[in-house]
Amino acid sequence: MCKRLRGSPGQELRIVLLGLDNAGKTTLLKQLASEEVSTITPTQGFNIKSVHSHGFKLNIWDIGGQRAVRPYWRKYLGSTDLLVSQGLCPRVLSWQELAELTEEESLLGVPLLVFANKQDLVTAAPAAEIAEGLNLHMYRDREWQIQACSALSGEGVQDGMNWISKQIMSRKK
């Protein structure tokens, strides 16, 4: 597990951002890249952005979440240093889908950050409810975190980035 985030200052890390369609993945990606988030179109295939954070270059892959695209997610998982998922009930990856993904050999021990997005909406499920729905407490082979956020306003996004940085730094030691 410790070899996964092997960062050193200036190192590039690969982060894969997965979630269902309309979960806010592209909005989150644009927020991380300090880009305008008022006009977002659904991702067809994938988007890649490089973001500098805490002395690291993070190459973030935003993979489309449409049902037709999901079978191809596994093709993007090689050399992944950190998996980020977007969750919002009831439109959240099922715990079975997430469990299957995290059992992929290329993701063994890879830390998992789940953004409980769209917390600015009245209908948003609390982060604890999403964590329970995804059975995150069952993950013993990796570090994981759930972070309430609003990708649109940016609230909570930096807290998630701080957790990522903490994971990188703890694995350097």
N, C-alpha and C. Protein backbone atom coordinates (compact mmCIF):
# COMPACT_ATOMS: atom_id res chain seq x y z
N MET A 1 0.83 -1.19 0.00
CA MET A 1 0.00 0.00 0.00
C MET A 1 0.87 1.25 0.00
N CYS A 2 1.95 1.27 0.72
CA CYS A 2 2.76 2.48 0.84
C CYS A 2 3.46 2.86 -0.45
N LYS A 3 3.63 1.92 -1.35
CA LYS A 3 4.31 2.27 -2.59
C LYS A 3 3.43 3.06 -3.54
N ARG A 4 2.13 3.07 -3.32
CA ARG A 4 1.21 3.67 -4.27
C ARG A 4 1.38 5.17 -4.42
N LEU A 5 1.33 5.91 -3.34
CA LEU A 5 1.56 7.36 -3.42
C LEU A 5 2.99 7.61 -3.01
N ARG A 6 3.87 7.46 -3.95
CA ARG A 6 5.30 7.50 -3.67
C ARG A 6 5.87 8.89 -3.92
N GLY A 7 5.06 9.90 -3.78
CA GLY A 7 5.40 11.25 -4.18
C GLY A 7 6.64 11.84 -3.57
N SER A 8 7.26 12.66 -4.35
CA SER A 8 8.31 13.54 -3.87
C SER A 8 8.03 14.88 -4.54
N PRO A 9 8.46 15.99 -3.93
CA PRO A 9 8.12 17.30 -4.49
C PRO A 9 8.40 17.36 -5.98
N GLY A 10 7.45 17.88 -6.73
CA GLY A 10 7.59 18.01 -8.17
C GLY A 10 7.17 16.76 -8.93
N GLN A 11 6.86 15.69 -8.21
CA GLN A 11 6.48 14.45 -8.87
C GLN A 11 5.07 14.54 -9.41
N GLU A 12 4.84 13.78 -10.47
CA GLU A 12 3.51 13.71 -11.06
C GLU A 12 2.77 12.50 -10.50
N LEU A 13 1.52 12.70 -10.17
CA LEU A 13 0.67 11.62 -9.68
C LEU A 13 -0.57 11.54 -10.56
N ARG A 14 -1.05 10.32 -10.72
CA ARG A 14 -2.24 10.09 -11.55
C ARG A 14 -3.43 9.84 -10.63
N ILE A 15 -4.46 10.66 -10.83
CA ILE A 15 -5.69 10.54 -10.06
C ILE A 15 -6.82 10.28 -11.05
N VAL A 16 -7.60 9.24 -10.77
CA VAL A 16 -8.74 8.91 -11.62
C VAL A 16 -10.00 9.32 -10.87
N LEU A 17 -10.84 10.10 -11.53
CA LEU A 17 -12.09 10.62 -10.97
C LEU A 17 -13.26 9.89 -11.63
N LEU A 18 -13.97 9.08 -10.84
CA LEU A 18 -15.07 8.28 -11.36
C LEU A 18 -16.36 8.61 -10.64
N GLY A 19 -17.46 8.38 -11.30
CA GLY A 19 -18.78 8.58 -10.72
C GLY A 19 -19.81 8.53 -11.81
N LEU A 20 -21.07 8.50 -11.42
CA LEU A 20 -22.15 8.44 -12.39
C LEU A 20 -22.26 9.75 -13.16
N ASP A 21 -22.98 9.71 -14.27
CA ASP A 21 -23.19 10.92 -15.06
C ASP A 21 -23.97 11.94 -14.22
N ASN A 22 -23.66 13.18 -14.42
CA ASN A 22 -24.27 14.31 -13.71
C ASN A 22 -23.96 14.34 -12.21
N ALA A 23 -22.88 13.68 -11.79
CA ALA A 23 -22.49 13.71 -10.38
C ALA A 23 -21.66 14.94 -10.05
N GLY A 24 -21.15 15.63 -11.09
CA GLY A 24 -20.36 16.83 -10.87
C GLY A 24 -18.87 16.63 -11.02
N LYS A 25 -18.45 15.56 -11.68
CA LYS A 25 -17.02 15.28 -11.85
C LYS A 25 -16.31 16.38 -12.63
N THR A 26 -16.89 16.79 -13.75
CA THR A 26 -16.25 17.81 -14.57
C THR A 26 -16.25 19.16 -13.86
N THR A 27 -17.30 19.46 -13.13
CA THR A 27 -17.34 20.70 -12.34
C THR A 27 -16.23 20.67 -11.29
N LEU A 28 -16.08 19.53 -10.64
CA LEU A 28 -15.00 19.39 -9.65
C LEU A 28 -13.64 19.58 -10.31
N LEU A 29 -13.45 18.95 -11.45
CA LEU A 29 -12.18 19.07 -12.17
C LEU A 29 -11.89 20.53 -12.53
N LYS A 30 -12.89 21.23 -13.04
CA LYS A 30 -12.70 22.64 -13.39
C LYS A 30 -12.44 23.48 -12.13
N GLN A 31 -13.11 23.17 -11.05
CA GLN A 31 -12.90 23.89 -9.80
C GLN A 31 -11.45 23.71 -9.33
N LEU A 32 -10.94 22.49 -9.43
CA LEU A 32 -9.56 22.21 -9.04
C LEU A 32 -8.56 22.94 -9.92
N ALA A 33 -8.93 23.12 -11.19
CA ALA A 33 -8.05 23.80 -12.14
C ALA A 33 -8.28 25.32 -12.15
N SER A 34 -9.09 25.81 -11.21
CA SER A 34 -9.42 27.25 -11.12
C SER A 34 -10.00 27.79 -12.42
N GLU A 35 -10.86 26.99 -13.03
CA GLU A 35 -11.52 27.40 -14.27
C GLU A 35 -12.97 27.75 -13.98
N GLU A 36 -13.59 28.44 -14.92
CA GLU A 36 -15.00 28.83 -14.82
C GLU A 36 -15.88 27.58 -14.78
N VAL A 37 -16.82 27.54 -13.84
CA VAL A 37 -17.68 26.37 -13.69
C VAL A 37 -19.14 26.63 -14.05
N SER A 38 -19.42 27.79 -14.65
CA SER A 38 -20.82 28.12 -14.93
C SER A 38 -21.38 27.36 -16.14
N THR A 39 -20.51 26.95 -17.07
CA THR A 39 -20.99 26.20 -18.23
C THR A 39 -20.24 24.88 -18.32
N ILE A 40 -20.96 23.81 -18.06
CA ILE A 40 -20.36 22.48 -18.09
C ILE A 40 -21.20 21.62 -19.02
N THR A 41 -20.54 20.89 -19.89
CA THR A 41 -21.25 19.96 -20.76
C THR A 41 -20.87 18.54 -20.34
N PRO A 42 -21.79 17.58 -20.54
CA PRO A 42 -21.49 16.20 -20.14
C PRO A 42 -20.22 15.69 -20.82
N THR A 43 -19.45 14.94 -20.07
CA THR A 43 -18.21 14.38 -20.59
C THR A 43 -18.49 13.21 -21.50
N GLN A 44 -17.99 13.29 -22.70
CA GLN A 44 -18.05 12.18 -23.65
C GLN A 44 -16.65 11.59 -23.69
N GLY A 45 -16.47 10.45 -23.06
CA GLY A 45 -15.14 9.86 -22.99
C GLY A 45 -14.45 10.30 -21.72
N PHE A 46 -13.46 11.21 -21.85
CA PHE A 46 -12.75 11.65 -20.66
C PHE A 46 -12.15 13.04 -20.86
N ASN A 47 -11.84 13.69 -19.75
CA ASN A 47 -11.11 14.96 -19.72
C ASN A 47 -9.87 14.72 -18.86
N ILE A 48 -8.79 15.39 -19.20
CA ILE A 48 -7.58 15.31 -18.39
C ILE A 48 -7.11 16.73 -18.11
N LYS A 49 -6.80 16.99 -16.86
CA LYS A 49 -6.24 18.29 -16.48
C LYS A 49 -5.09 18.04 -15.52
N SER A 50 -4.07 18.85 -15.63
CA SER A 50 -2.97 18.82 -14.68
C SER A 50 -3.14 19.97 -13.71
N VAL A 51 -3.09 19.65 -12.44
CA VAL A 51 -3.29 20.63 -11.38
C VAL A 51 -2.09 20.57 -10.46
N HIS A 52 -1.55 21.72 -10.11
CA HIS A 52 -0.45 21.77 -9.15
C HIS A 52 -1.05 22.03 -7.78
N SER A 53 -0.73 21.14 -6.85
CA SER A 53 -1.27 21.26 -5.50
C SER A 53 -0.26 20.73 -4.50
N HIS A 54 0.02 21.52 -3.49
CA HIS A 54 0.91 21.11 -2.40
C HIS A 54 2.27 20.61 -2.91
N GLY A 55 2.76 21.22 -3.98
CA GLY A 55 4.07 20.85 -4.51
C GLY A 55 4.07 19.65 -5.43
N PHE A 56 2.91 19.15 -5.81
CA PHE A 56 2.82 18.00 -6.69
C PHE A 56 2.04 18.37 -7.94
N LYS A 57 2.36 17.69 -9.02
CA LYS A 57 1.58 17.83 -10.25
C LYS A 57 0.62 16.66 -10.26
N LEU A 58 -0.66 16.96 -10.20
CA LEU A 58 -1.70 15.94 -10.19
C LEU A 58 -2.34 15.88 -11.57
N ASN A 59 -2.17 14.77 -12.25
CA ASN A 59 -2.81 14.55 -13.54
C ASN A 59 -4.14 13.87 -13.24
N ILE A 60 -5.23 14.63 -13.39
CA ILE A 60 -6.55 14.15 -13.01
C ILE A 60 -7.33 13.75 -14.25
N TRP A 61 -7.74 12.49 -14.26
CA TRP A 61 -8.54 11.93 -15.35
C TRP A 61 -9.98 11.92 -14.91
N ASP A 62 -10.82 12.66 -15.59
CA ASP A 62 -12.27 12.72 -15.36
C ASP A 62 -12.89 11.82 -16.41
N ILE A 63 -13.38 10.66 -15.97
CA ILE A 63 -13.92 9.66 -16.88
C ILE A 63 -15.44 9.78 -16.90
N GLY A 64 -16.03 9.81 -18.10
CA GLY A 64 -17.49 9.91 -18.23
C GLY A 64 -18.21 8.83 -17.44
N GLY A 65 -19.40 9.16 -16.93
CA GLY A 65 -20.12 8.24 -16.07
C GLY A 65 -21.36 7.61 -16.67
N GLN A 66 -21.59 7.82 -17.96
CA GLN A 66 -22.77 7.24 -18.57
C GLN A 66 -22.67 5.71 -18.53
N ARG A 67 -23.83 5.07 -18.43
CA ARG A 67 -23.88 3.60 -18.33
C ARG A 67 -23.07 2.93 -19.44
N ALA A 68 -23.13 3.47 -20.67
CA ALA A 68 -22.42 2.87 -21.80
C ALA A 68 -20.90 2.97 -21.65
N VAL A 69 -20.42 3.95 -20.88
CA VAL A 69 -18.99 4.17 -20.71
C VAL A 69 -18.41 3.35 -19.56
N ARG A 70 -19.21 3.05 -18.56
CA ARG A 70 -18.72 2.39 -17.34
C ARG A 70 -17.95 1.09 -17.57
N PRO A 71 -18.35 0.25 -18.52
CA PRO A 71 -17.57 -0.98 -18.73
C PRO A 71 -16.12 -0.71 -19.14
N TYR A 72 -15.83 0.49 -19.63
CA TYR A 72 -14.48 0.83 -20.08
C TYR A 72 -13.63 1.48 -18.99
N TRP A 73 -14.22 1.77 -17.83
CA TRP A 73 -13.48 2.43 -16.76
C TRP A 73 -12.18 1.70 -16.44
N ARG A 74 -12.22 0.38 -16.41
CA ARG A 74 -11.05 -0.41 -16.02
C ARG A 74 -9.83 -0.13 -16.90
N LYS A 75 -10.08 0.25 -18.12
CA LYS A 75 -8.98 0.52 -19.05
C LYS A 75 -8.18 1.76 -18.64
N TYR A 76 -8.75 2.60 -17.80
CA TYR A 76 -8.09 3.84 -17.39
C TYR A 76 -7.42 3.74 -16.02
N LEU A 77 -7.47 2.57 -15.39
CA LEU A 77 -7.04 2.46 -14.01
C LEU A 77 -5.56 2.18 -13.82
N GLY A 78 -4.84 1.75 -14.84
CA GLY A 78 -3.43 1.44 -14.70
C GLY A 78 -2.63 2.62 -14.19
N SER A 79 -1.68 2.36 -13.32
CA SER A 79 -0.78 3.37 -12.74
C SER A 79 -1.51 4.45 -11.95
N THR A 80 -2.68 4.14 -11.44
CA THR A 80 -3.43 5.11 -10.65
C THR A 80 -2.84 5.21 -9.26
N ASP A 81 -2.61 6.44 -8.82
CA ASP A 81 -2.07 6.69 -7.48
C ASP A 81 -3.15 6.98 -6.46
N LEU A 82 -4.31 7.48 -6.94
CA LEU A 82 -5.40 7.80 -6.03
C LEU A 82 -6.70 7.75 -6.82
N LEU A 83 -7.71 7.12 -6.22
CA LEU A 83 -9.03 7.03 -6.84
C LEU A 83 -9.96 8.02 -6.15
N VAL A 84 -10.62 8.84 -6.94
CA VAL A 84 -11.59 9.79 -6.40
C VAL A 84 -12.93 9.46 -7.02
N SER A 85 -13.94 9.34 -6.19
CA SER A 85 -15.28 9.04 -6.66
C SER A 85 -16.21 10.17 -6.25
N GLN A 86 -17.22 10.40 -7.05
CA GLN A 86 -18.25 11.38 -6.73
C GLN A 86 -19.46 10.62 -6.25
N GLY A 87 -20.00 11.02 -5.14
CA GLY A 87 -21.17 10.36 -4.62
C GLY A 87 -22.26 11.36 -4.27
N LEU A 88 -23.48 11.05 -4.64
CA LEU A 88 -24.63 11.79 -4.19
C LEU A 88 -25.82 10.87 -4.28
N CYS A 89 -26.47 10.61 -3.20
CA CYS A 89 -27.62 9.69 -3.20
C CYS A 89 -28.81 10.41 -3.79
N PRO A 90 -29.71 9.73 -4.48
CA PRO A 90 -29.63 8.30 -4.75
C PRO A 90 -28.79 7.97 -5.97
N ARG A 91 -28.21 8.95 -6.64
CA ARG A 91 -27.42 8.69 -7.84
C ARG A 91 -25.96 8.50 -7.49
N VAL A 92 -25.68 7.40 -6.82
CA VAL A 92 -24.32 7.13 -6.39
C VAL A 92 -23.91 5.77 -6.95
N LEU A 93 -22.64 5.61 -7.18
CA LEU A 93 -22.18 4.28 -7.55
C LEU A 93 -22.69 3.31 -6.51
N SER A 94 -23.11 2.18 -6.90
CA SER A 94 -23.53 1.20 -5.91
C SER A 94 -22.29 0.67 -5.21
N TRP A 95 -22.47 0.17 -4.00
CA TRP A 95 -21.33 -0.36 -3.28
C TRP A 95 -20.72 -1.53 -4.04
N GLN A 96 -21.55 -2.28 -4.80
CA GLN A 96 -21.01 -3.40 -5.57
C GLN A 96 -20.10 -2.90 -6.69
N GLU A 97 -20.52 -1.83 -7.38
CA GLU A 97 -19.69 -1.27 -8.46
C GLU A 97 -18.36 -0.77 -7.91
N LEU A 98 -18.41 -0.06 -6.80
CA LEU A 98 -17.19 0.46 -6.21
C LEU A 98 -16.31 -0.68 -5.71
N ALA A 99 -16.89 -1.68 -5.07
CA ALA A 99 -16.12 -2.82 -4.57
C ALA A 99 -15.43 -3.55 -5.72
N GLU A 100 -16.15 -3.74 -6.83
CA GLU A 100 -15.55 -4.40 -7.99
C GLU A 100 -14.38 -3.60 -8.53
N LEU A 101 -14.54 -2.30 -8.61
CA LEU A 101 -13.45 -1.46 -9.11
C LEU A 101 -12.23 -1.53 -8.21
N THR A 102 -12.45 -1.41 -6.90
CA THR A 102 -11.32 -1.38 -5.97
C THR A 102 -10.63 -2.73 -5.84
N GLU A 103 -11.27 -3.80 -6.33
CA GLU A 103 -10.64 -5.11 -6.32
C GLU A 103 -9.75 -5.32 -7.54
N GLU A 104 -9.79 -4.40 -8.49
CA GLU A 104 -8.91 -4.48 -9.65
C GLU A 104 -7.46 -4.49 -9.16
N GLU A 105 -6.64 -5.33 -9.77
CA GLU A 105 -5.25 -5.45 -9.34
C GLU A 105 -4.53 -4.11 -9.35
N SER A 106 -4.81 -3.28 -10.34
CA SER A 106 -4.12 -1.99 -10.46
C SER A 106 -4.55 -1.00 -9.36
N LEU A 107 -5.62 -1.30 -8.63
CA LEU A 107 -6.09 -0.39 -7.58
C LEU A 107 -5.92 -0.95 -6.17
N LEU A 108 -5.26 -2.09 -6.04
CA LEU A 108 -5.08 -2.67 -4.71
C LEU A 108 -4.31 -1.70 -3.82
N GLY A 109 -4.89 -1.36 -2.70
CA GLY A 109 -4.25 -0.46 -1.74
C GLY A 109 -4.27 1.01 -2.11
N VAL A 110 -4.82 1.36 -3.26
CA VAL A 110 -4.86 2.76 -3.69
C VAL A 110 -5.85 3.52 -2.81
N PRO A 111 -5.43 4.64 -2.22
CA PRO A 111 -6.35 5.43 -1.38
C PRO A 111 -7.58 5.88 -2.17
N LEU A 112 -8.68 6.02 -1.45
CA LEU A 112 -9.96 6.38 -2.05
C LEU A 112 -10.53 7.61 -1.37
N LEU A 113 -10.82 8.62 -2.15
CA LEU A 113 -11.49 9.82 -1.67
C LEU A 113 -12.85 9.89 -2.35
N VAL A 114 -13.90 9.97 -1.56
CA VAL A 114 -15.25 10.11 -2.10
C VAL A 114 -15.73 11.52 -1.78
N PHE A 115 -16.02 12.28 -2.82
CA PHE A 115 -16.61 13.60 -2.62
C PHE A 115 -18.12 13.43 -2.57
N ALA A 116 -18.74 13.77 -1.45
CA ALA A 116 -20.21 13.79 -1.33
C ALA A 116 -20.63 15.14 -1.89
N ASN A 117 -20.80 15.18 -3.18
CA ASN A 117 -21.01 16.43 -3.91
C ASN A 117 -22.45 16.93 -3.82
N LYS A 118 -22.60 18.15 -4.26
CA LYS A 118 -23.89 18.84 -4.38
C LYS A 118 -24.54 19.08 -3.01
N GLN A 119 -23.70 19.29 -2.00
CA GLN A 119 -24.22 19.55 -0.66
C GLN A 119 -24.94 20.88 -0.58
N ASP A 120 -24.85 21.71 -1.63
CA ASP A 120 -25.58 22.97 -1.68
C ASP A 120 -27.06 22.75 -2.02
N LEU A 121 -27.43 21.53 -2.42
CA LEU A 121 -28.82 21.22 -2.75
C LEU A 121 -29.55 20.67 -1.52
N VAL A 122 -30.80 21.05 -1.38
CA VAL A 122 -31.63 20.59 -0.26
C VAL A 122 -31.78 19.07 -0.29
N THR A 123 -31.77 18.49 -1.48
CA THR A 123 -31.98 17.05 -1.64
C THR A 123 -30.72 16.22 -1.45
N ALA A 124 -29.58 16.86 -1.20
CA ALA A 124 -28.32 16.13 -1.07
C ALA A 124 -28.31 15.26 0.18
N ALA A 125 -27.82 14.04 0.01
CA ALA A 125 -27.66 13.14 1.15
C ALA A 125 -26.42 13.54 1.92
N PRO A 126 -26.46 13.45 3.24
CA PRO A 126 -25.27 13.75 4.04
C PRO A 126 -24.13 12.78 3.72
N ALA A 127 -22.91 13.25 3.93
CA ALA A 127 -21.73 12.42 3.64
C ALA A 127 -21.79 11.09 4.39
N ALA A 128 -22.22 11.10 5.63
CA ALA A 128 -22.28 9.86 6.41
C ALA A 128 -23.23 8.84 5.77
N GLU A 129 -24.33 9.32 5.22
CA GLU A 129 -25.29 8.42 4.55
C GLU A 129 -24.67 7.82 3.29
N ILE A 130 -23.94 8.62 2.56
CA ILE A 130 -23.28 8.13 1.35
C ILE A 130 -22.20 7.12 1.73
N ALA A 131 -21.43 7.42 2.76
CA ALA A 131 -20.39 6.49 3.23
C ALA A 131 -21.00 5.15 3.61
N GLU A 132 -22.13 5.19 4.28
CA GLU A 132 -22.82 3.97 4.68
C GLU A 132 -23.33 3.21 3.45
N GLY A 133 -23.91 3.94 2.50
CA GLY A 133 -24.42 3.32 1.28
C GLY A 133 -23.34 2.66 0.45
N LEU A 134 -22.13 3.20 0.52
CA LEU A 134 -21.00 2.63 -0.23
C LEU A 134 -20.21 1.61 0.59
N ASN A 135 -20.64 1.38 1.83
CA ASN A 135 -19.95 0.45 2.72
C ASN A 135 -18.47 0.80 2.88
N LEU A 136 -18.16 2.09 2.97
CA LEU A 136 -16.77 2.50 3.06
C LEU A 136 -16.07 1.93 4.30
N HIS A 137 -16.83 1.72 5.36
CA HIS A 137 -16.24 1.17 6.59
C HIS A 137 -15.67 -0.24 6.38
N MET A 138 -16.02 -0.89 5.30
CA MET A 138 -15.53 -2.24 5.00
C MET A 138 -14.12 -2.22 4.38
N TYR A 139 -13.67 -1.06 3.94
CA TYR A 139 -12.35 -0.99 3.31
C TYR A 139 -11.26 -0.99 4.36
N ARG A 140 -10.55 -2.09 4.42
CA ARG A 140 -9.46 -2.24 5.38
C ARG A 140 -8.09 -2.27 4.69
N ASP A 141 -8.11 -2.38 3.36
CA ASP A 141 -6.85 -2.51 2.62
C ASP A 141 -6.34 -1.18 2.08
N ARG A 142 -7.00 -0.09 2.46
CA ARG A 142 -6.60 1.21 1.93
C ARG A 142 -7.11 2.32 2.84
N GLU A 143 -6.49 3.47 2.72
CA GLU A 143 -7.00 4.66 3.38
C GLU A 143 -8.18 5.17 2.56
N TRP A 144 -9.19 5.68 3.23
CA TRP A 144 -10.32 6.27 2.52
C TRP A 144 -10.84 7.47 3.32
N GLN A 145 -11.53 8.32 2.60
CA GLN A 145 -12.10 9.53 3.21
C GLN A 145 -13.34 9.91 2.43
N ILE A 146 -14.34 10.37 3.14
CA ILE A 146 -15.50 10.96 2.46
C ILE A 146 -15.50 12.44 2.80
N GLN A 147 -15.73 13.27 1.81
CA GLN A 147 -15.67 14.71 1.99
C GLN A 147 -16.91 15.36 1.42
N ALA A 148 -17.70 15.98 2.28
CA ALA A 148 -18.86 16.75 1.82
C ALA A 148 -18.34 17.95 1.03
N CYS A 149 -18.99 18.25 -0.09
CA CYS A 149 -18.55 19.40 -0.88
C CYS A 149 -19.66 19.89 -1.81
N SER A 150 -19.40 21.03 -2.38
CA SER A 150 -20.17 21.55 -3.49
C SER A 150 -19.15 21.94 -4.55
N ALA A 151 -19.04 21.13 -5.60
CA ALA A 151 -18.08 21.44 -6.66
C ALA A 151 -18.42 22.78 -7.31
N LEU A 152 -19.68 23.14 -7.32
CA LEU A 152 -20.11 24.39 -7.93
C LEU A 152 -19.57 25.60 -7.17
N SER A 153 -19.72 25.61 -5.85
CA SER A 153 -19.23 26.74 -5.05
C SER A 153 -17.78 26.57 -4.62
N GLY A 154 -17.30 25.32 -4.64
CA GLY A 154 -15.94 25.04 -4.19
C GLY A 154 -15.86 24.67 -2.72
N GLU A 155 -16.97 24.80 -2.00
CA GLU A 155 -16.97 24.50 -0.57
C GLU A 155 -16.62 23.02 -0.35
N GLY A 156 -15.63 22.77 0.50
CA GLY A 156 -15.21 21.41 0.84
C GLY A 156 -14.20 20.81 -0.11
N VAL A 157 -14.02 21.40 -1.28
CA VAL A 157 -13.09 20.86 -2.27
C VAL A 157 -11.66 20.92 -1.76
N GLN A 158 -11.28 22.06 -1.18
CA GLN A 158 -9.91 22.19 -0.68
C GLN A 158 -9.64 21.22 0.47
N ASP A 159 -10.66 20.92 1.27
CA ASP A 159 -10.49 19.94 2.34
C ASP A 159 -10.14 18.57 1.75
N GLY A 160 -10.78 18.22 0.65
CA GLY A 160 -10.45 16.97 -0.03
C GLY A 160 -9.03 16.99 -0.57
N MET A 161 -8.62 18.12 -1.13
CA MET A 161 -7.25 18.24 -1.64
C MET A 161 -6.24 18.15 -0.49
N ASN A 162 -6.58 18.70 0.65
CA ASN A 162 -5.69 18.59 1.81
C ASN A 162 -5.53 17.14 2.23
N TRP A 163 -6.61 16.36 2.17
CA TRP A 163 -6.53 14.94 2.50
C TRP A 163 -5.62 14.22 1.52
N ILE A 164 -5.76 14.55 0.23
CA ILE A 164 -4.89 13.95 -0.79
C ILE A 164 -3.43 14.26 -0.46
N SER A 165 -3.15 15.52 -0.15
CA SER A 165 -1.79 15.92 0.19
C SER A 165 -1.28 15.14 1.40
N LYS A 166 -2.13 14.98 2.39
CA LYS A 166 -1.74 14.23 3.60
C LYS A 166 -1.39 12.78 3.23
N GLN A 167 -2.17 12.18 2.32
CA GLN A 167 -1.89 10.82 1.89
C GLN A 167 -0.53 10.74 1.19
N ILE A 168 -0.27 11.71 0.33
CA ILE A 168 1.00 11.74 -0.39
C ILE A 168 2.16 11.86 0.59
N MET A 169 2.04 12.80 1.52
CA MET A 169 3.13 13.06 2.46
C MET A 169 3.35 11.88 3.40
N SER A 170 2.30 11.21 3.83
CA SER A 170 2.46 10.08 4.76
C SER A 170 3.13 8.90 4.08
N ARG A 171 2.99 8.80 2.78
CA ARG A 171 3.60 7.69 2.06
C ARG A 171 5.04 7.98 1.65
N LYS A 172 5.43 9.25 1.75
CA LYS A 172 6.82 9.62 1.47
C LYS A 172 7.73 9.10 2.57
N LYS A 173 7.19 9.00 3.77
CA LYS A 173 8.00 8.64 4.94
C LYS A 173 8.34 7.16 4.95
